[in-house]
Amino acid sequence: TRIQPLLATSGQFSNDTENGYYCSLITATLKNRKSLGDQLNHENL
């Protein structure tokens, strides 16, 4: 309860979302991440 106003002040939460909102989390998964690390050097990666 004490932390919540501090987060709202920081901009993470706004007053209009205190009662809840509908959120969709979108995740992009790079399935060939390991093979890219093997193919490319650190700078190009």
ModelCIF file with pLDDT and N, C-alpha, C, O atoms, coordinates in Angstrom:
data_MODEL
#
_entry.id   MODEL 
#
_entity.id                         1 
_entity.type                       polymer 
_entity.pdbx_number_of_molecules   1 
#
_entity_poly.entity_id                      1 
_entity_poly.type                           'polypeptide(L)' 
_entity_poly.nstd_linkage                   no 
_entity_poly.nstd_monomer                   no 
_entity_poly.pdbx_seq_one_letter_code       TRIQPLLATSGQFSNDTENGYYCSLITATLKNRKSLGDQLNHENL 
_entity_poly.pdbx_seq_one_letter_code_can   TRIQPLLATSGQFSNDTENGYYCSLITATLKNRKSLGDQLNHENL 
_entity_poly.pdbx_strand_id                 A 
#
loop_
_entity_poly_seq.entity_id 
_entity_poly_seq.num 
_entity_poly_seq.mon_id 
_entity_poly_seq.hetero 
1 1  THR n 
1 2  ARG n 
1 3  ILE n 
1 4  GLN n 
1 5  PRO n 
1 6  LEU n 
1 7  LEU n 
1 8  ALA n 
1 9  THR n 
1 10 SER n 
1 11 GLY n 
1 12 GLN n 
1 13 PHE n 
1 14 SER n 
1 15 ASN n 
1 16 ASP n 
1 17 THR n 
1 18 GLU n 
1 19 ASN n 
1 20 GLY n 
1 21 TYR n 
1 22 TYR n 
1 23 CYS n 
1 24 SER n 
1 25 LEU n 
1 26 ILE n 
1 27 THR n 
1 28 ALA n 
1 29 THR n 
1 30 LEU n 
1 31 LYS n 
1 32 ASN n 
1 33 ARG n 
1 34 LYS n 
1 35 SER n 
1 36 LEU n 
1 37 GLY n 
1 38 ASP n 
1 39 GLN n 
1 40 LEU n 
1 41 ASN n 
1 42 HIS n 
1 43 GLU n 
1 44 ASN n 
1 45 LEU n 
#
_struct_asym.id          A 
_struct_asym.entity_id   1 
#
loop_
_ma_qa_metric.id 
_ma_qa_metric.mode 
_ma_qa_metric.name 
_ma_qa_metric.software_group_id 
_ma_qa_metric.type 
1 global pLDDT . pLDDT 
2 local  pLDDT . pLDDT 
#
_ma_qa_metric_global.metric_id      1 
_ma_qa_metric_global.metric_value   76.36 
_ma_qa_metric_global.model_id       1 
_ma_qa_metric_global.ordinal_id     1 
#
loop_
_ma_qa_metric_local.label_asym_id 
_ma_qa_metric_local.label_comp_id 
_ma_qa_metric_local.label_seq_id 
_ma_qa_metric_local.metric_id 
_ma_qa_metric_local.metric_value 
_ma_qa_metric_local.model_id 
_ma_qa_metric_local.ordinal_id 
A THR 1  2 74.00 1 1  
A ARG 2  2 74.00 1 2  
A ILE 3  2 73.00 1 3  
A GLN 4  2 68.00 1 4  
A PRO 5  2 67.00 1 5  
A LEU 6  2 66.00 1 6  
A LEU 7  2 61.00 1 7  
A ALA 8  2 55.00 1 8  
A THR 9  2 50.00 1 9  
A SER 10 2 48.00 1 10 
A GLY 11 2 49.00 1 11 
A GLN 12 2 50.00 1 12 
A PHE 13 2 50.00 1 13 
A SER 14 2 50.00 1 14 
A ASN 15 2 47.00 1 15 
A ASP 16 2 46.00 1 16 
A THR 17 2 49.00 1 17 
A GLU 18 2 52.00 1 18 
A ASN 19 2 58.00 1 19 
A GLY 20 2 73.00 1 20 
A TYR 21 2 85.00 1 21 
A TYR 22 2 91.00 1 22 
A CYS 23 2 93.00 1 23 
A SER 24 2 94.00 1 24 
A LEU 25 2 95.00 1 25 
A ILE 26 2 95.00 1 26 
A THR 27 2 95.00 1 27 
A ALA 28 2 94.00 1 28 
A THR 29 2 94.00 1 29 
A LEU 30 2 93.00 1 30 
A LYS 31 2 92.00 1 31 
A ASN 32 2 91.00 1 32 
A ARG 33 2 90.00 1 33 
A LYS 34 2 89.00 1 34 
A SER 35 2 91.00 1 35 
A LEU 36 2 90.00 1 36 
A GLY 37 2 87.00 1 37 
A ASP 38 2 88.00 1 38 
A GLN 39 2 90.00 1 39 
A LEU 40 2 89.00 1 40 
A ASN 41 2 91.00 1 41 
A HIS 42 2 88.00 1 42 
A GLU 43 2 91.00 1 43 
A ASN 44 2 90.00 1 44 
A LEU 45 2 90.00 1 45 
#
loop_
_atom_site.group_PDB 
_atom_site.id 
_atom_site.type_symbol 
_atom_site.label_atom_id 
_atom_site.label_alt_id 
_atom_site.label_comp_id 
_atom_site.label_asym_id 
_atom_site.label_entity_id 
_atom_site.label_seq_id 
_atom_site.pdbx_PDB_ins_code 
_atom_site.Cartn_x 
_atom_site.Cartn_y 
_atom_site.Cartn_z 
_atom_site.occupancy 
_atom_site.B_iso_or_equiv 
_atom_site.pdbx_formal_charge 
_atom_site.auth_seq_id 
_atom_site.auth_comp_id 
_atom_site.auth_asym_id 
_atom_site.auth_atom_id 
_atom_site.pdbx_PDB_model_num 
ATOM 1   N N  . THR A 1 1  ? 0.829   -1.205  0.000   1.00 74.00 ? 1  THR A N  1 
ATOM 2   C CA . THR A 1 1  ? 0.000   0.000   0.000   1.00 74.00 ? 1  THR A CA 1 
ATOM 3   C C  . THR A 1 1  ? 0.865   1.258   0.000   1.00 74.00 ? 1  THR A C  1 
ATOM 4   O O  . THR A 1 1  ? 0.507   2.258   -0.622  1.00 74.00 ? 1  THR A O  1 
ATOM 5   N N  . ARG A 1 2  ? 2.003   1.210   0.697   1.00 74.00 ? 2  ARG A N  1 
ATOM 6   C CA . ARG A 1 2  ? 2.893   2.372   0.707   1.00 74.00 ? 2  ARG A CA 1 
ATOM 7   C C  . ARG A 1 2  ? 3.665   2.511   -0.606  1.00 74.00 ? 2  ARG A C  1 
ATOM 8   O O  . ARG A 1 2  ? 3.916   3.626   -1.064  1.00 74.00 ? 2  ARG A O  1 
ATOM 9   N N  . ILE A 1 3  ? 4.041   1.377   -1.215  1.00 73.00 ? 3  ILE A N  1 
ATOM 10  C CA . ILE A 1 3  ? 4.843   1.435   -2.444  1.00 73.00 ? 3  ILE A CA 1 
ATOM 11  C C  . ILE A 1 3  ? 4.012   1.889   -3.633  1.00 73.00 ? 3  ILE A C  1 
ATOM 12  O O  . ILE A 1 3  ? 4.523   2.562   -4.528  1.00 73.00 ? 3  ILE A O  1 
ATOM 13  N N  . GLN A 1 4  ? 2.723   1.521   -3.649  1.00 68.00 ? 4  GLN A N  1 
ATOM 14  C CA . GLN A 1 4  ? 1.881   1.793   -4.804  1.00 68.00 ? 4  GLN A CA 1 
ATOM 15  C C  . GLN A 1 4  ? 1.896   3.255   -5.246  1.00 68.00 ? 4  GLN A C  1 
ATOM 16  O O  . GLN A 1 4  ? 2.076   3.508   -6.437  1.00 68.00 ? 4  GLN A O  1 
ATOM 17  N N  . PRO A 1 5  ? 1.715   4.236   -4.347  1.00 67.00 ? 5  PRO A N  1 
ATOM 18  C CA . PRO A 1 5  ? 1.755   5.642   -4.795  1.00 67.00 ? 5  PRO A CA 1 
ATOM 19  C C  . PRO A 1 5  ? 3.091   6.028   -5.404  1.00 67.00 ? 5  PRO A C  1 
ATOM 20  O O  . PRO A 1 5  ? 3.139   6.857   -6.313  1.00 67.00 ? 5  PRO A O  1 
ATOM 21  N N  . LEU A 1 6  ? 4.187   5.435   -4.913  1.00 66.00 ? 6  LEU A N  1 
ATOM 22  C CA . LEU A 1 6  ? 5.506   5.746   -5.463  1.00 66.00 ? 6  LEU A CA 1 
ATOM 23  C C  . LEU A 1 6  ? 5.631   5.250   -6.896  1.00 66.00 ? 6  LEU A C  1 
ATOM 24  O O  . LEU A 1 6  ? 6.207   5.928   -7.746  1.00 66.00 ? 6  LEU A O  1 
ATOM 25  N N  . LEU A 1 7  ? 5.087   4.058   -7.163  1.00 61.00 ? 7  LEU A N  1 
ATOM 26  C CA . LEU A 1 7  ? 5.107   3.537   -8.531  1.00 61.00 ? 7  LEU A CA 1 
ATOM 27  C C  . LEU A 1 7  ? 4.222   4.358   -9.446  1.00 61.00 ? 7  LEU A C  1 
ATOM 28  O O  . LEU A 1 7  ? 4.556   4.586   -10.609 1.00 61.00 ? 7  LEU A O  1 
ATOM 29  N N  . ALA A 1 8  ? 3.089   4.803   -8.915  1.00 55.00 ? 8  ALA A N  1 
ATOM 30  C CA . ALA A 1 8  ? 2.202   5.637   -9.722  1.00 55.00 ? 8  ALA A CA 1 
ATOM 31  C C  . ALA A 1 8  ? 2.878   6.945   -10.070 1.00 55.00 ? 8  ALA A C  1 
ATOM 32  O O  . ALA A 1 8  ? 2.717   7.450   -11.180 1.00 55.00 ? 8  ALA A O  1 
ATOM 33  N N  . THR A 1 9  ? 3.646   7.509   -9.119  1.00 50.00 ? 9  THR A N  1 
ATOM 34  C CA . THR A 1 9  ? 4.369   8.756   -9.372  1.00 50.00 ? 9  THR A CA 1 
ATOM 35  C C  . THR A 1 9  ? 5.452   8.556   -10.413 1.00 50.00 ? 9  THR A C  1 
ATOM 36  O O  . THR A 1 9  ? 5.731   9.447   -11.216 1.00 50.00 ? 9  THR A O  1 
ATOM 37  N N  . SER A 1 10 ? 6.079   7.345   -10.393 1.00 48.00 ? 10 SER A N  1 
ATOM 38  C CA . SER A 1 10 ? 7.147   7.076   -11.358 1.00 48.00 ? 10 SER A CA 1 
ATOM 39  C C  . SER A 1 10 ? 6.624   6.848   -12.756 1.00 48.00 ? 10 SER A C  1 
ATOM 40  O O  . SER A 1 10 ? 7.403   6.818   -13.709 1.00 48.00 ? 10 SER A O  1 
ATOM 41  N N  . GLY A 1 11 ? 5.305   6.686   -12.902 1.00 49.00 ? 11 GLY A N  1 
ATOM 42  C CA . GLY A 1 11 ? 4.728   6.522   -14.232 1.00 49.00 ? 11 GLY A CA 1 
ATOM 43  C C  . GLY A 1 11 ? 4.441   5.097   -14.623 1.00 49.00 ? 11 GLY A C  1 
ATOM 44  O O  . GLY A 1 11 ? 3.885   4.850   -15.693 1.00 49.00 ? 11 GLY A O  1 
ATOM 45  N N  . GLN A 1 12 ? 4.810   4.139   -13.770 1.00 50.00 ? 12 GLN A N  1 
ATOM 46  C CA . GLN A 1 12 ? 4.538   2.740   -14.128 1.00 50.00 ? 12 GLN A CA 1 
ATOM 47  C C  . GLN A 1 12 ? 3.049   2.457   -14.122 1.00 50.00 ? 12 GLN A C  1 
ATOM 48  O O  . GLN A 1 12 ? 2.553   1.709   -14.964 1.00 50.00 ? 12 GLN A O  1 
ATOM 49  N N  . PHE A 1 13 ? 2.333   3.051   -13.176 1.00 50.00 ? 13 PHE A N  1 
ATOM 50  C CA . PHE A 1 13 ? 0.889   2.894   -13.095 1.00 50.00 ? 13 PHE A CA 1 
ATOM 51  C C  . PHE A 1 13 ? 0.245   4.266   -13.061 1.00 50.00 ? 13 PHE A C  1 
ATOM 52  O O  . PHE A 1 13 ? 0.798   5.210   -12.495 1.00 50.00 ? 13 PHE A O  1 
ATOM 53  N N  . SER A 1 14 ? -0.890  4.368   -13.651 1.00 50.00 ? 14 SER A N  1 
ATOM 54  C CA . SER A 1 14 ? -1.633  5.620   -13.640 1.00 50.00 ? 14 SER A CA 1 
ATOM 55  C C  . SER A 1 14 ? -2.903  5.441   -12.835 1.00 50.00 ? 14 SER A C  1 
ATOM 56  O O  . SER A 1 14 ? -3.341  4.319   -12.583 1.00 50.00 ? 14 SER A O  1 
ATOM 57  N N  . ASN A 1 15 ? -3.495  6.565   -12.431 1.00 47.00 ? 15 ASN A N  1 
ATOM 58  C CA . ASN A 1 15 ? -4.676  6.499   -11.580 1.00 47.00 ? 15 ASN A CA 1 
ATOM 59  C C  . ASN A 1 15 ? -5.847  5.814   -12.246 1.00 47.00 ? 15 ASN A C  1 
ATOM 60  O O  . ASN A 1 15 ? -6.699  5.233   -11.574 1.00 47.00 ? 15 ASN A O  1 
ATOM 61  N N  . ASP A 1 16 ? -5.894  5.881   -13.580 1.00 46.00 ? 16 ASP A N  1 
ATOM 62  C CA . ASP A 1 16 ? -7.050  5.299   -14.263 1.00 46.00 ? 16 ASP A CA 1 
ATOM 63  C C  . ASP A 1 16 ? -6.953  3.788   -14.386 1.00 46.00 ? 16 ASP A C  1 
ATOM 64  O O  . ASP A 1 16 ? -7.863  3.144   -14.909 1.00 46.00 ? 16 ASP A O  1 
ATOM 65  N N  . THR A 1 17 ? -5.835  3.210   -13.899 1.00 49.00 ? 17 THR A N  1 
ATOM 66  C CA . THR A 1 17 ? -5.706  1.749   -13.975 1.00 49.00 ? 17 THR A CA 1 
ATOM 67  C C  . THR A 1 17 ? -5.783  1.095   -12.607 1.00 49.00 ? 17 THR A C  1 
ATOM 68  O O  . THR A 1 17 ? -5.560  -0.109  -12.486 1.00 49.00 ? 17 THR A O  1 
ATOM 69  N N  . GLU A 1 18 ? -6.093  1.864   -11.581 1.00 52.00 ? 18 GLU A N  1 
ATOM 70  C CA . GLU A 1 18 ? -6.127  1.287   -10.243 1.00 52.00 ? 18 GLU A CA 1 
ATOM 71  C C  . GLU A 1 18 ? -7.207  0.232   -10.114 1.00 52.00 ? 18 GLU A C  1 
ATOM 72  O O  . GLU A 1 18 ? -7.068  -0.707  -9.330  1.00 52.00 ? 18 GLU A O  1 
ATOM 73  N N  . ASN A 1 19 ? -8.276  0.375   -10.871 1.00 58.00 ? 19 ASN A N  1 
ATOM 74  C CA . ASN A 1 19 ? -9.364  -0.592  -10.805 1.00 58.00 ? 19 ASN A CA 1 
ATOM 75  C C  . ASN A 1 19 ? -9.160  -1.775  -11.745 1.00 58.00 ? 19 ASN A C  1 
ATOM 76  O O  . ASN A 1 19 ? -10.003 -2.669  -11.822 1.00 58.00 ? 19 ASN A O  1 
ATOM 77  N N  . GLY A 1 20 ? -8.031  -1.775  -12.464 1.00 73.00 ? 20 GLY A N  1 
ATOM 78  C CA . GLY A 1 20 ? -7.734  -2.889  -13.340 1.00 73.00 ? 20 GLY A CA 1 
ATOM 79  C C  . GLY A 1 20 ? -7.899  -2.532  -14.804 1.00 73.00 ? 20 GLY A C  1 
ATOM 80  O O  . GLY A 1 20 ? -8.636  -1.608  -15.149 1.00 73.00 ? 20 GLY A O  1 
ATOM 81  N N  . TYR A 1 21 ? -7.224  -3.255  -15.646 1.00 85.00 ? 21 TYR A N  1 
ATOM 82  C CA . TYR A 1 21 ? -7.316  -3.069  -17.090 1.00 85.00 ? 21 TYR A CA 1 
ATOM 83  C C  . TYR A 1 21 ? -7.057  -4.409  -17.760 1.00 85.00 ? 21 TYR A C  1 
ATOM 84  O O  . TYR A 1 21 ? -6.514  -5.334  -17.155 1.00 85.00 ? 21 TYR A O  1 
ATOM 85  N N  . TYR A 1 22 ? -7.455  -4.492  -19.016 1.00 91.00 ? 22 TYR A N  1 
ATOM 86  C CA . TYR A 1 22 ? -7.245  -5.718  -19.778 1.00 91.00 ? 22 TYR A CA 1 
ATOM 87  C C  . TYR A 1 22 ? -5.914  -5.606  -20.495 1.00 91.00 ? 22 TYR A C  1 
ATOM 88  O O  . TYR A 1 22 ? -5.655  -4.632  -21.203 1.00 91.00 ? 22 TYR A O  1 
ATOM 89  N N  . CYS A 1 23 ? -5.072  -6.614  -20.305 1.00 93.00 ? 23 CYS A N  1 
ATOM 90  C CA . CYS A 1 23 ? -3.700  -6.558  -20.813 1.00 93.00 ? 23 CYS A CA 1 
ATOM 91  C C  . CYS A 1 23 ? -3.408  -7.795  -21.651 1.00 93.00 ? 23 CYS A C  1 
ATOM 92  O O  . CYS A 1 23 ? -3.731  -8.916  -21.257 1.00 93.00 ? 23 CYS A O  1 
ATOM 93  N N  . SER A 1 24 ? -2.796  -7.580  -22.803 1.00 94.00 ? 24 SER A N  1 
ATOM 94  C CA . SER A 1 24 ? -2.343  -8.672  -23.669 1.00 94.00 ? 24 SER A CA 1 
ATOM 95  C C  . SER A 1 24 ? -0.826  -8.657  -23.715 1.00 94.00 ? 24 SER A C  1 
ATOM 96  O O  . SER A 1 24 ? -0.220  -7.669  -24.131 1.00 94.00 ? 24 SER A O  1 
ATOM 97  N N  . LEU A 1 25 ? -0.216  -9.749  -23.287 1.00 95.00 ? 25 LEU A N  1 
ATOM 98  C CA . LEU A 1 25 ? 1.230   -9.892  -23.331 1.00 95.00 ? 25 LEU A CA 1 
ATOM 99  C C  . LEU A 1 25 ? 1.616   -10.584 -24.633 1.00 95.00 ? 25 LEU A C  1 
ATOM 100 O O  . LEU A 1 25 ? 1.140   -11.679 -24.931 1.00 95.00 ? 25 LEU A O  1 
ATOM 101 N N  . ILE A 1 26 ? 2.474   -9.942  -25.393 1.00 95.00 ? 26 ILE A N  1 
ATOM 102 C CA . ILE A 1 26 ? 2.926   -10.487 -26.677 1.00 95.00 ? 26 ILE A CA 1 
ATOM 103 C C  . ILE A 1 26 ? 4.388   -10.882 -26.529 1.00 95.00 ? 26 ILE A C  1 
ATOM 104 O O  . ILE A 1 26 ? 5.220   -10.080 -26.104 1.00 95.00 ? 26 ILE A O  1 
ATOM 105 N N  . THR A 1 27 ? 4.689   -12.112 -26.879 1.00 95.00 ? 27 THR A N  1 
ATOM 106 C CA . THR A 1 27 ? 6.045   -12.640 -26.726 1.00 95.00 ? 27 THR A CA 1 
ATOM 107 C C  . THR A 1 27 ? 6.570   -13.099 -28.071 1.00 95.00 ? 27 THR A C  1 
ATOM 108 O O  . THR A 1 27 ? 5.942   -13.899 -28.765 1.00 95.00 ? 27 THR A O  1 
ATOM 109 N N  . ALA A 1 28 ? 7.739   -12.574 -28.427 1.00 94.00 ? 28 ALA A N  1 
ATOM 110 C CA . ALA A 1 28 ? 8.441   -13.007 -29.632 1.00 94.00 ? 28 ALA A CA 1 
ATOM 111 C C  . ALA A 1 28 ? 9.600   -13.899 -29.210 1.00 94.00 ? 28 ALA A C  1 
ATOM 112 O O  . ALA A 1 28 ? 10.492  -13.460 -28.484 1.00 94.00 ? 28 ALA A O  1 
ATOM 113 N N  . THR A 1 29 ? 9.590   -15.146 -29.661 1.00 94.00 ? 29 THR A N  1 
ATOM 114 C CA . THR A 1 29 ? 10.613  -16.109 -29.266 1.00 94.00 ? 29 THR A CA 1 
ATOM 115 C C  . THR A 1 29 ? 11.521  -16.408 -30.449 1.00 94.00 ? 29 THR A C  1 
ATOM 116 O O  . THR A 1 29 ? 11.067  -16.898 -31.483 1.00 94.00 ? 29 THR A O  1 
ATOM 117 N N  . LEU A 1 30 ? 12.805  -16.110 -30.290 1.00 93.00 ? 30 LEU A N  1 
ATOM 118 C CA . LEU A 1 30 ? 13.795  -16.383 -31.329 1.00 93.00 ? 30 LEU A CA 1 
ATOM 119 C C  . LEU A 1 30 ? 14.254  -17.828 -31.161 1.00 93.00 ? 30 LEU A C  1 
ATOM 120 O O  . LEU A 1 30 ? 15.112  -18.116 -30.326 1.00 93.00 ? 30 LEU A O  1 
ATOM 121 N N  . LYS A 1 31 ? 13.687  -18.735 -31.950 1.00 92.00 ? 31 LYS A N  1 
ATOM 122 C CA . LYS A 1 31 ? 13.920  -20.168 -31.761 1.00 92.00 ? 31 LYS A CA 1 
ATOM 123 C C  . LYS A 1 31 ? 15.331  -20.583 -32.174 1.00 92.00 ? 31 LYS A C  1 
ATOM 124 O O  . LYS A 1 31 ? 15.856  -21.570 -31.660 1.00 92.00 ? 31 LYS A O  1 
ATOM 125 N N  . ASN A 1 32 ? 15.944  -19.849 -33.086 1.00 91.00 ? 32 ASN A N  1 
ATOM 126 C CA . ASN A 1 32 ? 17.300  -20.213 -33.514 1.00 91.00 ? 32 ASN A CA 1 
ATOM 127 C C  . ASN A 1 32 ? 18.348  -19.295 -32.872 1.00 91.00 ? 32 ASN A C  1 
ATOM 128 O O  . ASN A 1 32 ? 19.367  -18.983 -33.490 1.00 91.00 ? 32 ASN A O  1 
ATOM 129 N N  . ARG A 1 33 ? 18.096  -18.871 -31.650 1.00 90.00 ? 33 ARG A N  1 
ATOM 130 C CA . ARG A 1 33 ? 19.034  -17.993 -30.941 1.00 90.00 ? 33 ARG A CA 1 
ATOM 131 C C  . ARG A 1 33 ? 20.397  -18.647 -30.788 1.00 90.00 ? 33 ARG A C  1 
ATOM 132 O O  . ARG A 1 33 ? 21.415  -17.987 -30.994 1.00 90.00 ? 33 ARG A O  1 
ATOM 133 N N  . LYS A 1 34 ? 20.445  -19.900 -30.441 1.00 89.00 ? 34 LYS A N  1 
ATOM 134 C CA . LYS A 1 34 ? 21.723  -20.580 -30.226 1.00 89.00 ? 34 LYS A CA 1 
ATOM 135 C C  . LYS A 1 34 ? 22.517  -20.704 -31.526 1.00 89.00 ? 34 LYS A C  1 
ATOM 136 O O  . LYS A 1 34 ? 23.725  -20.468 -31.550 1.00 89.00 ? 34 LYS A O  1 
ATOM 137 N N  . SER A 1 35 ? 21.825  -21.077 -32.609 1.00 91.00 ? 35 SER A N  1 
ATOM 138 C CA . SER A 1 35 ? 22.537  -21.230 -33.885 1.00 91.00 ? 35 SER A CA 1 
ATOM 139 C C  . SER A 1 35 ? 23.059  -19.889 -34.397 1.00 91.00 ? 35 SER A C  1 
ATOM 140 O O  . SER A 1 35 ? 24.113  -19.834 -35.030 1.00 91.00 ? 35 SER A O  1 
ATOM 141 N N  . LEU A 1 36 ? 22.321  -18.805 -34.125 1.00 90.00 ? 36 LEU A N  1 
ATOM 142 C CA . LEU A 1 36 ? 22.811  -17.481 -34.510 1.00 90.00 ? 36 LEU A CA 1 
ATOM 143 C C  . LEU A 1 36 ? 24.080  -17.131 -33.752 1.00 90.00 ? 36 LEU A C  1 
ATOM 144 O O  . LEU A 1 36 ? 24.999  -16.528 -34.306 1.00 90.00 ? 36 LEU A O  1 
ATOM 145 N N  . GLY A 1 37 ? 24.126  -17.516 -32.472 1.00 87.00 ? 37 GLY A N  1 
ATOM 146 C CA . GLY A 1 37 ? 25.331  -17.272 -31.690 1.00 87.00 ? 37 GLY A CA 1 
ATOM 147 C C  . GLY A 1 37 ? 26.521  -18.043 -32.205 1.00 87.00 ? 37 GLY A C  1 
ATOM 148 O O  . GLY A 1 37 ? 27.660  -17.592 -32.084 1.00 87.00 ? 37 GLY A O  1 
ATOM 149 N N  . ASP A 1 38 ? 26.263  -19.217 -32.785 1.00 88.00 ? 38 ASP A N  1 
ATOM 150 C CA . ASP A 1 38 ? 27.353  -20.012 -33.354 1.00 88.00 ? 38 ASP A CA 1 
ATOM 151 C C  . ASP A 1 38 ? 27.803  -19.466 -34.708 1.00 88.00 ? 38 ASP A C  1 
ATOM 152 O O  . ASP A 1 38 ? 28.980  -19.567 -35.055 1.00 88.00 ? 38 ASP A O  1 
ATOM 153 N N  . GLN A 1 39 ? 26.873  -18.887 -35.478 1.00 90.00 ? 39 GLN A N  1 
ATOM 154 C CA . GLN A 1 39 ? 27.183  -18.418 -36.831 1.00 90.00 ? 39 GLN A CA 1 
ATOM 155 C C  . GLN A 1 39 ? 27.868  -17.048 -36.831 1.00 90.00 ? 39 GLN A C  1 
ATOM 156 O O  . GLN A 1 39 ? 28.756  -16.795 -37.644 1.00 90.00 ? 39 GLN A O  1 
ATOM 157 N N  . LEU A 1 40 ? 27.453  -16.170 -35.920 1.00 89.00 ? 40 LEU A N  1 
ATOM 158 C CA . LEU A 1 40 ? 27.929  -14.795 -35.929 1.00 89.00 ? 40 LEU A CA 1 
ATOM 159 C C  . LEU A 1 40 ? 28.915  -14.545 -34.805 1.00 89.00 ? 40 LEU A C  1 
ATOM 160 O O  . LEU A 1 40 ? 28.812  -15.129 -33.727 1.00 89.00 ? 40 LEU A O  1 
ATOM 161 N N  . ASN A 1 41 ? 29.885  -13.658 -35.076 1.00 91.00 ? 41 ASN A N  1 
ATOM 162 C CA . ASN A 1 41 ? 30.764  -13.257 -33.986 1.00 91.00 ? 41 ASN A CA 1 
ATOM 163 C C  . ASN A 1 41 ? 30.030  -12.279 -33.072 1.00 91.00 ? 41 ASN A C  1 
ATOM 164 O O  . ASN A 1 41 ? 28.913  -11.860 -33.374 1.00 91.00 ? 41 ASN A O  1 
ATOM 165 N N  . HIS A 1 42 ? 30.645  -11.926 -31.979 1.00 88.00 ? 42 HIS A N  1 
ATOM 166 C CA . HIS A 1 42 ? 29.974  -11.111 -30.973 1.00 88.00 ? 42 HIS A CA 1 
ATOM 167 C C  . HIS A 1 42 ? 29.552  -9.758  -31.522 1.00 88.00 ? 42 HIS A C  1 
ATOM 168 O O  . HIS A 1 42 ? 28.454  -9.282  -31.233 1.00 88.00 ? 42 HIS A O  1 
ATOM 169 N N  . GLU A 1 43 ? 30.409  -9.142  -32.306 1.00 91.00 ? 43 GLU A N  1 
ATOM 170 C CA . GLU A 1 43 ? 30.102  -7.808  -32.836 1.00 91.00 ? 43 GLU A CA 1 
ATOM 171 C C  . GLU A 1 43 ? 28.898  -7.852  -33.770 1.00 91.00 ? 43 GLU A C  1 
ATOM 172 O O  . GLU A 1 43 ? 27.993  -7.026  -33.654 1.00 91.00 ? 43 GLU A O  1 
ATOM 173 N N  . ASN A 1 44 ? 28.880  -8.816  -34.700 1.00 90.00 ? 44 ASN A N  1 
ATOM 174 C CA . ASN A 1 44 ? 27.761  -8.910  -35.641 1.00 90.00 ? 44 ASN A CA 1 
ATOM 175 C C  . ASN A 1 44 ? 26.464  -9.321  -34.941 1.00 90.00 ? 44 ASN A C  1 
ATOM 176 O O  . ASN A 1 44 ? 25.376  -8.895  -35.328 1.00 90.00 ? 44 ASN A O  1 
ATOM 177 N N  . LEU A 1 45 ? 26.594  -10.153 -33.909 1.00 90.00 ? 45 LEU A N  1 
ATOM 178 C CA . LEU A 1 45 ? 25.402  -10.555 -33.164 1.00 90.00 ? 45 LEU A CA 1 
ATOM 179 C C  . LEU A 1 45 ? 24.800  -9.357  -32.432 1.00 90.00 ? 45 LEU A C  1 
ATOM 180 O O  . LEU A 1 45 ? 23.786  -9.497  -31.747 1.00 90.00 ? 45 LEU A O  1 
#
